């Protein structure tokens, strides 16, 4: 991307996304929440023994992540980053 951001850790991606895309108004805060929650669920699944999420969240998280991807894709297309 034109912003030249190159984070090396997932938490850095989230922080930079919020700083450069949420706080500047490019994306609504809800997208930052989706990214953070998806990361939290992934970490819990990888590292927490016996951690479980609710059935409702397990069913809804893929839909919200698809929303995130769709909105970012629209932005990237407008910016000429993807065709």
Protein backbone atom coordinates (compact mmCIF):
# COMPACT_ATOMS: atom_id res chain seq x y z
CA UNK A 1 0.00 0.00 0.00
CA UNK A 2 0.99 3.56 -0.55
CA UNK A 3 1.16 4.27 3.16
CA UNK A 4 4.41 2.30 3.40
CA UNK A 5 3.52 0.59 6.67
CA UNK A 6 5.36 -2.66 7.38
CA UNK A 7 4.34 -4.09 10.77
CA UNK A 8 6.01 -7.26 11.91
CA UNK A 9 3.51 -8.52 14.50
CA UNK A 10 -0.29 -8.95 14.39
CA UNK A 11 -0.77 -6.51 17.28
CA UNK A 12 1.24 -3.94 15.30
CA UNK A 13 -1.11 -4.42 12.34
CA UNK A 14 -4.09 -3.68 14.57
CA UNK A 15 -2.46 -0.63 16.13
CA UNK A 16 -1.40 0.80 12.75
CA UNK A 17 -4.79 0.03 11.21
CA UNK A 18 -6.49 2.00 13.98
CA UNK A 19 -3.99 4.85 13.80
CA UNK A 20 -3.93 5.27 10.03
CA UNK A 21 -7.38 4.13 8.96
CA UNK A 22 -9.80 4.39 11.89
CA UNK A 23 -8.63 7.58 13.59
CA UNK A 24 -8.35 9.33 10.21
CA UNK A 25 -11.94 8.43 9.34
CA UNK A 26 -11.16 6.20 6.36
CA UNK A 27 -12.98 3.32 8.05
CA UNK A 28 -15.58 3.31 10.85
CA UNK A 29 -14.52 2.21 14.34
CA UNK A 30 -16.58 -0.98 13.95
CA UNK A 31 -13.96 -2.32 11.53
CA UNK A 32 -11.25 -1.84 14.13
CA UNK A 33 -13.37 -3.77 16.62
CA UNK A 34 -13.84 -6.61 14.13
CA UNK A 35 -10.09 -6.85 13.53
CA UNK A 36 -9.29 -6.76 17.25
CA UNK A 37 -11.91 -9.35 18.14
CA UNK A 38 -10.84 -11.73 15.39
CA UNK A 39 -7.26 -11.46 16.66
CA UNK A 40 -8.33 -12.05 20.27
CA UNK A 41 -10.32 -15.16 19.31
CA UNK A 42 -7.42 -16.51 17.29
CA UNK A 43 -4.97 -15.98 20.17
CA UNK A 44 -7.32 -17.62 22.65
CA UNK A 45 -7.81 -20.59 20.36
CA UNK A 46 -4.08 -20.99 19.87
CA UNK A 47 -2.81 -20.43 23.40
CA UNK A 48 -5.57 -20.78 26.00
CA UNK A 49 -6.38 -24.29 27.14
CA UNK A 50 -10.09 -24.89 27.43
CA UNK A 51 -11.07 -21.50 26.05
CA UNK A 52 -14.42 -21.45 24.32
CA UNK A 53 -16.43 -18.81 22.55
CA UNK A 54 -20.18 -18.78 22.39
CA UNK A 55 -22.00 -20.53 19.58
CA UNK A 56 -23.44 -17.17 18.52
CA UNK A 57 -19.99 -15.60 18.20
CA UNK A 58 -18.66 -18.66 16.37
CA UNK A 59 -21.48 -18.30 13.86
CA UNK A 60 -21.25 -14.50 13.56
CA UNK A 61 -17.49 -13.96 13.47
CA UNK A 62 -17.03 -15.24 9.89
CA UNK A 63 -19.80 -12.88 8.74
CA UNK A 64 -18.25 -9.88 10.44
CA UNK A 65 -14.81 -10.76 9.08
CA UNK A 66 -16.34 -10.97 5.59
CA UNK A 67 -17.77 -7.48 6.15
CA UNK A 68 -14.29 -6.26 7.13
CA UNK A 69 -12.72 -7.80 4.03
CA UNK A 70 -15.44 -6.38 1.76
CA UNK A 71 -15.02 -2.82 3.07
CA UNK A 72 -11.23 -2.96 2.86
CA UNK A 73 -11.47 -4.38 -0.68
CA UNK A 74 -13.72 -1.49 -1.75
CA UNK A 75 -11.21 0.98 -0.32
CA UNK A 76 -8.27 -0.72 -2.04
CA UNK A 77 -10.11 -0.77 -5.36
CA UNK A 78 -10.89 2.96 -5.05
CA UNK A 79 -7.23 3.64 -4.26
CA UNK A 80 -6.11 1.61 -7.27
CA UNK A 81 -4.29 -0.92 -5.11
CA UNK A 82 -6.23 -3.88 -6.52
CA UNK A 83 -8.23 -4.35 -9.68
